[in-house]
Amino acid sequence: MKVKALKNLIYDGAFYKVGEVFTMKDTDVTNFEMLKLVIRLLQGSRPDFKANVPNALPPLTVDGKKKK
């Protein structure tokens, strides 16, 4: 998964400066995020879990009226 370094760090024997984008193992990303060393990039990053989304959503209503 692609991440961006928030602080200078060493990962897998390589030195990464602040703002540098590099690839990290998915299992390591959560640990480094909790330490506030890296941040996931929006493009191409996926959550570790998948939320259940219903097939059909009910219509949006406000005070019994359909929302325009």
Protein backbone atom coordinates (compact mmCIF):
# COMPACT_ATOMS: atom_id res chain seq x y z
CA MET A 1 0.00 0.00 0.00
CA LYS A 2 1.29 3.46 -0.82
CA VAL A 3 1.88 5.71 2.17
CA LYS A 4 3.34 9.16 2.78
CA ALA A 5 5.92 9.72 5.53
CA LEU A 6 4.91 12.30 8.15
CA LYS A 7 8.32 12.10 9.88
CA ASN A 8 11.76 10.88 8.84
CA LEU A 9 11.86 7.12 9.32
CA ILE A 10 13.72 3.95 8.44
CA TYR A 11 11.64 1.10 7.03
CA ASP A 12 13.03 -2.17 5.60
CA GLY A 13 16.58 -0.79 5.66
CA ALA A 14 15.74 2.33 3.64
CA PHE A 15 15.57 5.93 4.88
CA TYR A 16 12.48 7.96 3.98
CA LYS A 17 12.23 11.74 4.43
CA VAL A 18 9.14 13.73 5.39
CA GLY A 19 6.63 13.87 2.52
CA GLU A 20 8.18 10.98 0.60
CA VAL A 21 5.77 8.42 -0.88
CA PHE A 22 6.70 4.74 -0.69
CA THR A 23 5.14 1.28 -0.54
CA MET A 24 4.62 -0.49 2.77
CA LYS A 25 3.13 -3.86 3.75
CA ASP A 26 -0.56 -3.69 4.68
CA THR A 27 0.10 -5.30 8.06
CA ASP A 28 2.68 -2.64 8.96
CA VAL A 29 0.61 0.35 7.82
CA THR A 30 -1.80 0.26 10.76
CA ASN A 31 1.04 0.12 13.30
CA PHE A 32 2.93 3.02 11.72
CA GLU A 33 -0.32 5.04 11.44
CA MET A 34 -0.97 4.65 15.17
CA LEU A 35 2.52 6.01 15.83
CA LYS A 36 1.73 8.93 13.46
CA LEU A 37 4.73 8.21 11.27
CA VAL A 38 2.85 7.65 8.00
CA ILE A 39 -0.51 8.39 6.41
CA ARG A 40 -2.33 6.37 3.76
CA LEU A 41 -2.83 7.93 0.38
CA LEU A 42 -6.43 8.09 -0.76
CA GLN A 43 -5.81 6.75 -4.22
CA GLY A 44 -5.26 3.02 -4.16
CA SER A 45 -5.62 2.57 -0.41
CA ARG A 46 -8.36 0.30 0.80
CA PRO A 47 -9.72 -0.29 4.30
CA ASP A 48 -8.87 -3.55 6.07
CA PHE A 49 -12.56 -4.35 6.52
CA LYS A 50 -15.50 -4.23 4.17
CA ALA A 51 -18.73 -2.67 5.35
CA ASN A 52 -22.01 -4.37 4.51
CA VAL A 53 -23.95 -2.14 2.14
CA PRO A 54 -27.63 -2.94 1.57
CA ASN A 55 -28.73 -3.52 -2.01
CA ALA A 56 -31.52 -0.94 -1.85
CA LEU A 57 -31.55 2.16 0.33
CA PRO A 58 -34.83 3.65 1.57
CA PRO A 59 -35.79 7.04 0.11
CA LEU A 60 -34.63 10.09 2.03
CA THR A 61 -37.49 11.86 3.78
CA VAL A 62 -37.64 15.03 5.85
CA ASP A 63 -40.67 15.47 8.12
CA GLY A 64 -42.65 12.90 6.11
CA LYS A 65 -41.97 14.66 2.81
CA LYS A 66 -39.67 13.43 0.09
CA LYS A 67 -36.43 15.33 -0.12
CA LYS A 68 -35.89 17.16 -3.43
